[in-house]
Every structure is written in C-alpha cells, then in structure tokens.
Amino acid sequence: MIKVRRSPQRVPTTRKEARGGAKKWTLSHLPNGTIKLFQDAVVPFACIKAGTKAPWAGLTTGDVQAIMDKVFGEDEHLVTENDVWCGLISYRLNDWRASFGQNGLKTVEQLFKDNMDEFDTKDAITNLVNTLLTIPEGEETAPFIWREWVNGKKKGIFQAELILNVFALAHLYLFDDPFDCVAGDHKPTGALLLSMQV
C-alpha cells in the first residue's frame, strides 16, 4: 500500500524571504480581494485601537487578529507576528502617528492666520509660544494643555483648543460618530497624548 502524505510547507526564515525578497511589505502582498477592506476598515480599526494604548505602543498580534476577525470573519485570515498584516498595519500606524505632527503644524498655522492682527510680528508669536510652553513657578504643567488659565486658576486639562483641533483632525475623523470615540473599550488616551506632543 502506498501512503500519500502532505509535505510540510516550508516556513520562511527571514522577513525578507517572507516578502518574496522585497525590502518592505506592500499592498500587493495581501491576499487577493482584501486590499479595499484593508484600507477602508482594517487600517481605521487599527488606528482606533492604537489610540487606546500608550502613544508609541504597537498593536499585539492578538489585537491585529481581533481586527481581522471583525472585518473578514473569525479565523478567515490568521495573523502571525511578522506577516503581511502586522507589517502593513505597523506602517500605517507610523503614518497615523505622523499625522498628529502634520495636523499640529496646520492647527498652529491656522491660529496665527485667524489672528493676524494679534500675531503680526515675530516677537508677538515668540511671546505667545513662550507663555504657552513655560511652566510657571510653583506649577506642574504648562498653560498650553488647559482650556482656561487665568491668574493661576486652571480649567479643562487637555481641552485646549490647539490640542482638541489636532485630536479631531488626526483621530476623531476615524469614527462615523465622534461620540463613539469614548464609548466601550476604546478610550482614546494614547491619541489624546499624541495630540499634545506636537
């Protein structure tokens, strides 16, 4: 009697080998028919999840698997640590984090543009920046993180207009309903912290 056995599939030993020799993962490495859902659903869910973690923490393989199961169905695509899914998500999260800085710059530029009469000189701009960033004697925080700071009285930590504008432009746009941002298990503490680090 002849026994037919399936030969074990060779597992790539390096990431470059897993990518077929390419230096980086690209969308063309994704399974057929998955690119649109990856871009339209997986990436936003990954950014939303990343926004709940420490600002520079990555997603775990379990986080990515949960997103894949939500988008494609349970166990439709199994995730491993160094696979195309984790690789591409990591790249997209780097882009998402960079968007906080880009949106911070746009927000500050808009502030000065909207208030040109107040900030019409380099000295006026320098004075504002110094006031917002300098921690006053006896205080633990700088004024820029507060919605209101008058004569040492503070209200609304992390609610300054600059911070909230960056937060909205870089993170809230991911939600169909911005109030979903604070619902359930996705409290966006990491995204809020990124909004103030610009």
C-alpha atoms as a PDB file:
ATOM      1  CA  MET A   1       0.000   0.000   0.000  1.00  0.00           C
ATOM      2  CA  ILE A   2       1.195   3.481  -0.872  1.00  0.00           C
ATOM      3  CA  LYS A   3       0.687   6.231   1.667  1.00  0.00           C
ATOM      4  CA  VAL A   4       0.328   9.768   0.414  1.00  0.00           C
ATOM      5  CA  ARG A   5       1.456  12.421   2.846  1.00  0.00           C
ATOM      6  CA  ARG A   6       1.293  16.146   2.567  1.00  0.00           C
ATOM      7  CA  SER A   7       4.795  17.529   2.652  1.00  0.00           C
ATOM      8  CA  PRO A   8       5.251  20.237   5.269  1.00  0.00           C
ATOM      9  CA  GLN A   9       5.119  23.741   3.878  1.00  0.00           C
ATOM     10  CA  ARG A  10       8.460  25.493   4.169  1.00  0.00           C
ATOM     11  CA  VAL A  11       8.291  28.390   6.603  1.00  0.00           C
ATOM     12  CA  PRO A  12      10.368  31.430   5.570  1.00  0.00           C
ATOM     13  CA  THR A  13      13.259  32.031   7.955  1.00  0.00           C
ATOM     14  CA  THR A  14      13.516  35.801   7.452  1.00  0.00           C
ATOM     15  CA  ARG A  15      11.039  38.618   6.942  1.00  0.00           C
ATOM     16  CA  LYS A  16      12.646  39.463   3.610  1.00  0.00           C
ATOM     17  CA  GLU A  17      12.152  35.866   2.484  1.00  0.00           C
ATOM     18  CA  ALA A  18       8.503  36.040   3.626  1.00  0.00           C
ATOM     19  CA  ARG A  19       8.098  39.155   1.462  1.00  0.00           C
ATOM     20  CA  GLY A  20       9.449  37.316  -1.563  1.00  0.00           C
ATOM     21  CA  GLY A  21      12.709  39.290  -1.447  1.00  0.00           C
ATOM     22  CA  ALA A  22      11.057  42.721  -1.186  1.00  0.00           C
ATOM     23  CA  LYS A  23      12.502  45.240   1.280  1.00  0.00           C
ATOM     24  CA  LYS A  24       9.077  46.139   2.687  1.00  0.00           C
ATOM     25  CA  TRP A  25       5.549  44.783   2.691  1.00  0.00           C
ATOM     26  CA  THR A  26       3.286  46.320   0.060  1.00  0.00           C
ATOM     27  CA  LEU A  27      -0.419  46.060  -0.642  1.00  0.00           C
ATOM     28  CA  SER A  28       0.412  43.613  -3.434  1.00  0.00           C
ATOM     29  CA  HIS A  29       1.472  41.094  -0.764  1.00  0.00           C
ATOM     30  CA  LEU A  30      -2.078  40.970   0.636  1.00  0.00           C
ATOM     31  CA  PRO A  31      -4.307  38.046  -0.327  1.00  0.00           C
ATOM     32  CA  ASN A  32      -6.436  38.617  -3.426  1.00  0.00           C
ATOM     33  CA  GLY A  33      -9.536  40.694  -2.862  1.00  0.00           C
ATOM     34  CA  THR A  34      -8.509  42.127   0.523  1.00  0.00           C
ATOM     35  CA  ILE A  35      -6.908  45.480  -0.356  1.00  0.00           C
ATOM     36  CA  LYS A  36     -10.066  47.610  -0.227  1.00  0.00           C
ATOM     37  CA  LEU A  37     -11.224  46.237   3.130  1.00  0.00           C
ATOM     38  CA  PHE A  38      -7.689  46.559   4.460  1.00  0.00           C
ATOM     39  CA  GLN A  39      -7.615  50.256   3.574  1.00  0.00           C
ATOM     40  CA  ASP A  40     -11.235  51.086   4.424  1.00  0.00           C
ATOM     41  CA  ALA A  41     -11.743  49.015   7.580  1.00  0.00           C
ATOM     42  CA  VAL A  42      -8.616  47.311   8.937  1.00  0.00           C
ATOM     43  CA  VAL A  43      -6.459  50.457   8.990  1.00  0.00           C
ATOM     44  CA  PRO A  44      -9.073  52.686  10.695  1.00  0.00           C
ATOM     45  CA  PHE A  45      -9.799  49.981  13.299  1.00  0.00           C
ATOM     46  CA  ALA A  46      -6.045  49.601  13.892  1.00  0.00           C
ATOM     47  CA  CYS A  47      -5.653  53.361  14.426  1.00  0.00           C
ATOM     48  CA  ILE A  48      -8.638  53.424  16.764  1.00  0.00           C
ATOM     49  CA  LYS A  49      -7.137  50.548  18.769  1.00  0.00           C
ATOM     50  CA  ALA A  50      -3.688  52.187  18.803  1.00  0.00           C
ATOM     51  CA  GLY A  51      -5.317  55.359  20.125  1.00  0.00           C
ATOM     52  CA  THR A  52      -6.309  53.453  23.269  1.00  0.00           C
ATOM     53  CA  LYS A  53      -2.724  52.441  24.054  1.00  0.00           C
ATOM     54  CA  ALA A  54       0.351  54.345  25.194  1.00  0.00           C
ATOM     55  CA  PRO A  55       1.302  56.777  22.420  1.00  0.00           C
ATOM     56  CA  TRP A  56       4.137  54.750  20.901  1.00  0.00           C
ATOM     57  CA  ALA A  57       2.964  51.243  21.755  1.00  0.00           C
ATOM     58  CA  GLY A  58       2.319  48.898  18.874  1.00  0.00           C
ATOM     59  CA  LEU A  59      -0.555  46.509  18.451  1.00  0.00           C
ATOM     60  CA  THR A  60      -0.137  42.951  19.618  1.00  0.00           C
ATOM     61  CA  THR A  61      -0.697  40.019  17.298  1.00  0.00           C
ATOM     62  CA  GLY A  62      -3.904  39.400  19.282  1.00  0.00           C
ATOM     63  CA  ASP A  63      -5.061  42.979  18.622  1.00  0.00           C
ATOM     64  CA  VAL A  64      -4.471  42.537  14.901  1.00  0.00           C
ATOM     65  CA  GLN A  65      -6.202  39.140  14.879  1.00  0.00           C
ATOM     66  CA  ALA A  66      -9.259  40.649  16.612  1.00  0.00           C
ATOM     67  CA  ILE A  67      -9.431  43.368  13.940  1.00  0.00           C
ATOM     68  CA  MET A  68      -9.048  40.810  11.145  1.00  0.00           C
ATOM     69  CA  ASP A  69     -11.826  38.665  12.650  1.00  0.00           C
ATOM     70  CA  LYS A  70     -14.093  41.711  12.927  1.00  0.00           C
ATOM     71  CA  VAL A  71     -13.501  42.767   9.314  1.00  0.00           C
ATOM     72  CA  PHE A  72     -13.188  39.453   7.463  1.00  0.00           C
ATOM     73  CA  GLY A  73     -14.865  36.945   9.789  1.00  0.00           C
ATOM     74  CA  GLU A  74     -13.444  34.766  12.504  1.00  0.00           C
ATOM     75  CA  ASP A  75     -10.251  32.936  11.517  1.00  0.00           C
ATOM     76  CA  GLU A  76     -10.676  33.858   7.828  1.00  0.00           C
ATOM     77  CA  HIS A  77      -7.123  35.246   7.899  1.00  0.00           C
ATOM     78  CA  LEU A  78      -4.801  34.019  10.624  1.00  0.00           C
ATOM     79  CA  VAL A  79      -2.226  36.529  11.805  1.00  0.00           C
ATOM     80  CA  THR A  80       1.367  35.859  12.820  1.00  0.00           C
ATOM     81  CA  GLU A  81       3.817  38.339  14.301  1.00  0.00           C
ATOM     82  CA  ASN A  82       5.878  39.046  11.187  1.00  0.00           C
ATOM     83  CA  ASP A  83       3.262  38.578   8.485  1.00  0.00           C
ATOM     84  CA  VAL A  84       1.942  40.997   5.886  1.00  0.00           C
ATOM     85  CA  TRP A  85      -0.982  42.086   8.072  1.00  0.00           C
ATOM     86  CA  CYS A  86       1.159  43.074  11.041  1.00  0.00           C
ATOM     87  CA  GLY A  87       3.782  44.624   8.780  1.00  0.00           C
ATOM     88  CA  LEU A  88       1.384  46.811   6.798  1.00  0.00           C
ATOM     89  CA  ILE A  89      -0.557  47.810   9.912  1.00  0.00           C
ATOM     90  CA  SER A  90       2.704  48.863  11.556  1.00  0.00           C
ATOM     91  CA  TYR A  91       3.498  51.092   8.553  1.00  0.00           C
ATOM     92  CA  ARG A  92       0.006  52.627   8.633  1.00  0.00           C
ATOM     93  CA  LEU A  93       0.276  53.296  12.371  1.00  0.00           C
ATOM     94  CA  ASN A  94       3.527  55.163  11.745  1.00  0.00           C
ATOM     95  CA  ASP A  95       1.663  57.288   9.176  1.00  0.00           C
ATOM     96  CA  TRP A  96      -1.183  57.846  11.666  1.00  0.00           C
ATOM     97  CA  ARG A  97       1.241  58.970  14.392  1.00  0.00           C
ATOM     98  CA  ALA A  98       2.979  61.317  11.934  1.00  0.00           C
ATOM     99  CA  SER A  99      -0.409  62.857  11.123  1.00  0.00           C
ATOM    100  CA  PHE A 100      -0.554  64.304  14.647  1.00  0.00           C
ATOM    101  CA  GLY A 101       2.538  66.387  13.945  1.00  0.00           C
ATOM    102  CA  GLN A 102       1.304  67.383  10.489  1.00  0.00           C
ATOM    103  CA  ASN A 103      -2.080  68.397  11.880  1.00  0.00           C
ATOM    104  CA  GLY A 104      -0.410  70.196  14.781  1.00  0.00           C
ATOM    105  CA  LEU A 105       1.505  72.348  12.341  1.00  0.00           C
ATOM    106  CA  LYS A 106      -1.674  73.088  10.334  1.00  0.00           C
ATOM    107  CA  THR A 107      -3.531  73.973  13.547  1.00  0.00           C
ATOM    108  CA  VAL A 108      -0.847  76.407  14.726  1.00  0.00           C
ATOM    109  CA  GLU A 109      -0.582  77.986  11.268  1.00  0.00           C
ATOM    110  CA  GLN A 110      -4.368  78.447  11.228  1.00  0.00           C
ATOM    111  CA  LEU A 111      -4.282  80.012  14.710  1.00  0.00           C
ATOM    112  CA  PHE A 112      -1.839  82.663  13.536  1.00  0.00           C
ATOM    113  CA  LYS A 113      -3.685  83.182  10.249  1.00  0.00           C
ATOM    114  CA  ASP A 114      -7.028  83.660  12.031  1.00  0.00           C
ATOM    115  CA  ASN A 115      -5.467  86.140  14.472  1.00  0.00           C
ATOM    116  CA  MET A 116      -3.117  88.071  12.215  1.00  0.00           C
ATOM    117  CA  ASP A 117      -3.896  91.346  13.964  1.00  0.00           C
ATOM    118  CA  GLU A 118      -2.612  89.916  17.295  1.00  0.00           C
ATOM    119  CA  PHE A 119       0.316  87.994  15.871  1.00  0.00           C
ATOM    120  CA  ASP A 120       1.611  90.375  13.260  1.00  0.00           C
ATOM    121  CA  THR A 121       5.241  90.296  14.407  1.00  0.00           C
ATOM    122  CA  LYS A 122       7.786  87.637  15.171  1.00  0.00           C
ATOM    123  CA  ASP A 123       8.016  88.955  18.755  1.00  0.00           C
ATOM    124  CA  ALA A 124       4.244  88.541  19.274  1.00  0.00           C
ATOM    125  CA  ILE A 125       4.425  84.935  18.106  1.00  0.00           C
ATOM    126  CA  THR A 126       7.510  84.251  20.248  1.00  0.00           C
ATOM    127  CA  ASN A 127       5.798  85.732  23.320  1.00  0.00           C
ATOM    128  CA  LEU A 128       2.723  83.530  22.833  1.00  0.00           C
ATOM    129  CA  VAL A 129       4.811  80.389  22.387  1.00  0.00           C
ATOM    130  CA  ASN A 130       6.896  81.186  25.471  1.00  0.00           C
ATOM    131  CA  THR A 131       3.756  81.889  27.528  1.00  0.00           C
ATOM    132  CA  LEU A 132       2.074  78.649  26.482  1.00  0.00           C
ATOM    133  CA  LEU A 133       5.119  76.404  26.920  1.00  0.00           C
ATOM    134  CA  THR A 134       6.808  77.817  30.021  1.00  0.00           C
ATOM    135  CA  ILE A 135       5.820  76.163  33.285  1.00  0.00           C
ATOM    136  CA  PRO A 136       5.196  78.979  35.783  1.00  0.00           C
ATOM    137  CA  GLU A 137       6.987  78.848  39.120  1.00  0.00           C
ATOM    138  CA  GLY A 138       5.118  76.682  41.593  1.00  0.00           C
ATOM    139  CA  GLU A 139       3.110  74.919  38.861  1.00  0.00           C
ATOM    140  CA  GLU A 140       3.491  71.415  37.472  1.00  0.00           C
ATOM    141  CA  THR A 141       2.105  71.974  33.976  1.00  0.00           C
ATOM    142  CA  ALA A 142       2.402  74.485  31.173  1.00  0.00           C
ATOM    143  CA  PRO A 143      -0.591  76.623  30.212  1.00  0.00           C
ATOM    144  CA  PHE A 144      -0.923  75.136  26.724  1.00  0.00           C
ATOM    145  CA  ILE A 145      -2.678  71.974  27.980  1.00  0.00           C
ATOM    146  CA  TRP A 146      -5.522  73.837  29.704  1.00  0.00           C
ATOM    147  CA  ARG A 147      -8.738  75.123  28.167  1.00  0.00           C
ATOM    148  CA  GLU A 148      -8.548  78.083  30.503  1.00  0.00           C
ATOM    149  CA  TRP A 149      -5.724  79.537  32.618  1.00  0.00           C
ATOM    150  CA  VAL A 150      -6.469  82.872  34.249  1.00  0.00           C
ATOM    151  CA  ASN A 151      -4.427  84.243  37.153  1.00  0.00           C
ATOM    152  CA  GLY A 152      -3.255  80.752  38.102  1.00  0.00           C
ATOM    153  CA  LYS A 153      -6.757  79.253  38.013  1.00  0.00           C
ATOM    154  CA  LYS A 154      -6.992  76.381  35.555  1.00  0.00           C
ATOM    155  CA  LYS A 155      -9.935  74.588  33.969  1.00  0.00           C
ATOM    156  CA  GLY A 156     -10.179  71.790  31.418  1.00  0.00           C
ATOM    157  CA  ILE A 157      -6.936  69.826  31.368  1.00  0.00           C
ATOM    158  CA  PHE A 158      -6.132  68.523  27.849  1.00  0.00           C
ATOM    159  CA  GLN A 159      -9.005  70.630  26.500  1.00  0.00           C
ATOM    160  CA  ALA A 160      -7.010  73.482  24.983  1.00  0.00           C
ATOM    161  CA  GLU A 161      -8.272  74.419  21.535  1.00  0.00           C
ATOM    162  CA  LEU A 162      -4.951  73.546  19.888  1.00  0.00           C
ATOM    163  CA  ILE A 163      -4.925  70.056  21.428  1.00  0.00           C
ATOM    164  CA  LEU A 164      -8.557  69.336  20.586  1.00  0.00           C
ATOM    165  CA  ASN A 165      -8.138  70.528  16.995  1.00  0.00           C
ATOM    166  CA  VAL A 166      -5.181  68.201  16.475  1.00  0.00           C
ATOM    167  CA  PHE A 167      -7.085  65.364  18.161  1.00  0.00           C
ATOM    168  CA  ALA A 168     -10.082  65.883  15.884  1.00  0.00           C
ATOM    169  CA  LEU A 169      -8.045  66.131  12.679  1.00  0.00           C
ATOM    170  CA  ALA A 170      -5.751  63.190  13.424  1.00  0.00           C
ATOM    171  CA  HIS A 171      -8.058  60.804  15.283  1.00  0.00           C
ATOM    172  CA  LEU A 172     -11.760  61.673  15.544  1.00  0.00           C
ATOM    173  CA  TYR A 173     -12.208  61.530  11.778  1.00  0.00           C
ATOM    174  CA  LEU A 174     -11.819  57.732  12.056  1.00  0.00           C
ATOM    175  CA  PHE A 175     -15.221  57.430  13.737  1.00  0.00           C
ATOM    176  CA  ASP A 176     -18.570  57.533  11.942  1.00  0.00           C
ATOM    177  CA  ASP A 177     -19.921  59.162  15.098  1.00  0.00           C
ATOM    178  CA  PRO A 178     -17.304  61.089  17.110  1.00  0.00           C
ATOM    179  CA  PHE A 179     -19.144  60.213  20.345  1.00  0.00           C
ATOM    180  CA  ASP A 180     -18.212  56.577  19.678  1.00  0.00           C
ATOM    181  CA  CYS A 181     -14.662  57.684  20.457  1.00  0.00           C
ATOM    182  CA  VAL A 182     -15.329  57.435  24.186  1.00  0.00           C
ATOM    183  CA  ALA A 183     -17.784  54.533  24.105  1.00  0.00           C
ATOM    184  CA  GLY A 184     -16.941  50.982  25.013  1.00  0.00           C
ATOM    185  CA  ASP A 185     -13.344  49.917  25.404  1.00  0.00           C
ATOM    186  CA  HIS A 186     -11.711  52.474  23.144  1.00  0.00           C
ATOM    187  CA  LYS A 187     -10.972  55.434  25.406  1.00  0.00           C
ATOM    188  CA  PRO A 188      -8.501  57.399  23.256  1.00  0.00           C
ATOM    189  CA  THR A 189      -5.942  58.283  25.917  1.00  0.00           C
ATOM    190  CA  GLY A 190      -2.959  57.496  23.679  1.00  0.00           C
ATOM    191  CA  ALA A 191      -4.360  59.565  20.814  1.00  0.00           C
ATOM    192  CA  LEU A 192      -5.031  62.468  23.186  1.00  0.00           C
ATOM    193  CA  LEU A 193      -1.458  62.288  24.483  1.00  0.00           C
ATOM    194  CA  LEU A 194      -0.144  62.279  20.909  1.00  0.00           C
ATOM    195  CA  SER A 195      -2.254  65.382  20.268  1.00  0.00           C
ATOM    196  CA  MET A 196      -0.386  67.294  22.945  1.00  0.00           C
ATOM    197  CA  GLN A 197       3.092  66.110  21.961  1.00  0.00           C
ATOM    198  CA  VAL A 198       3.157  68.029  18.745  1.00  0.00           C
END
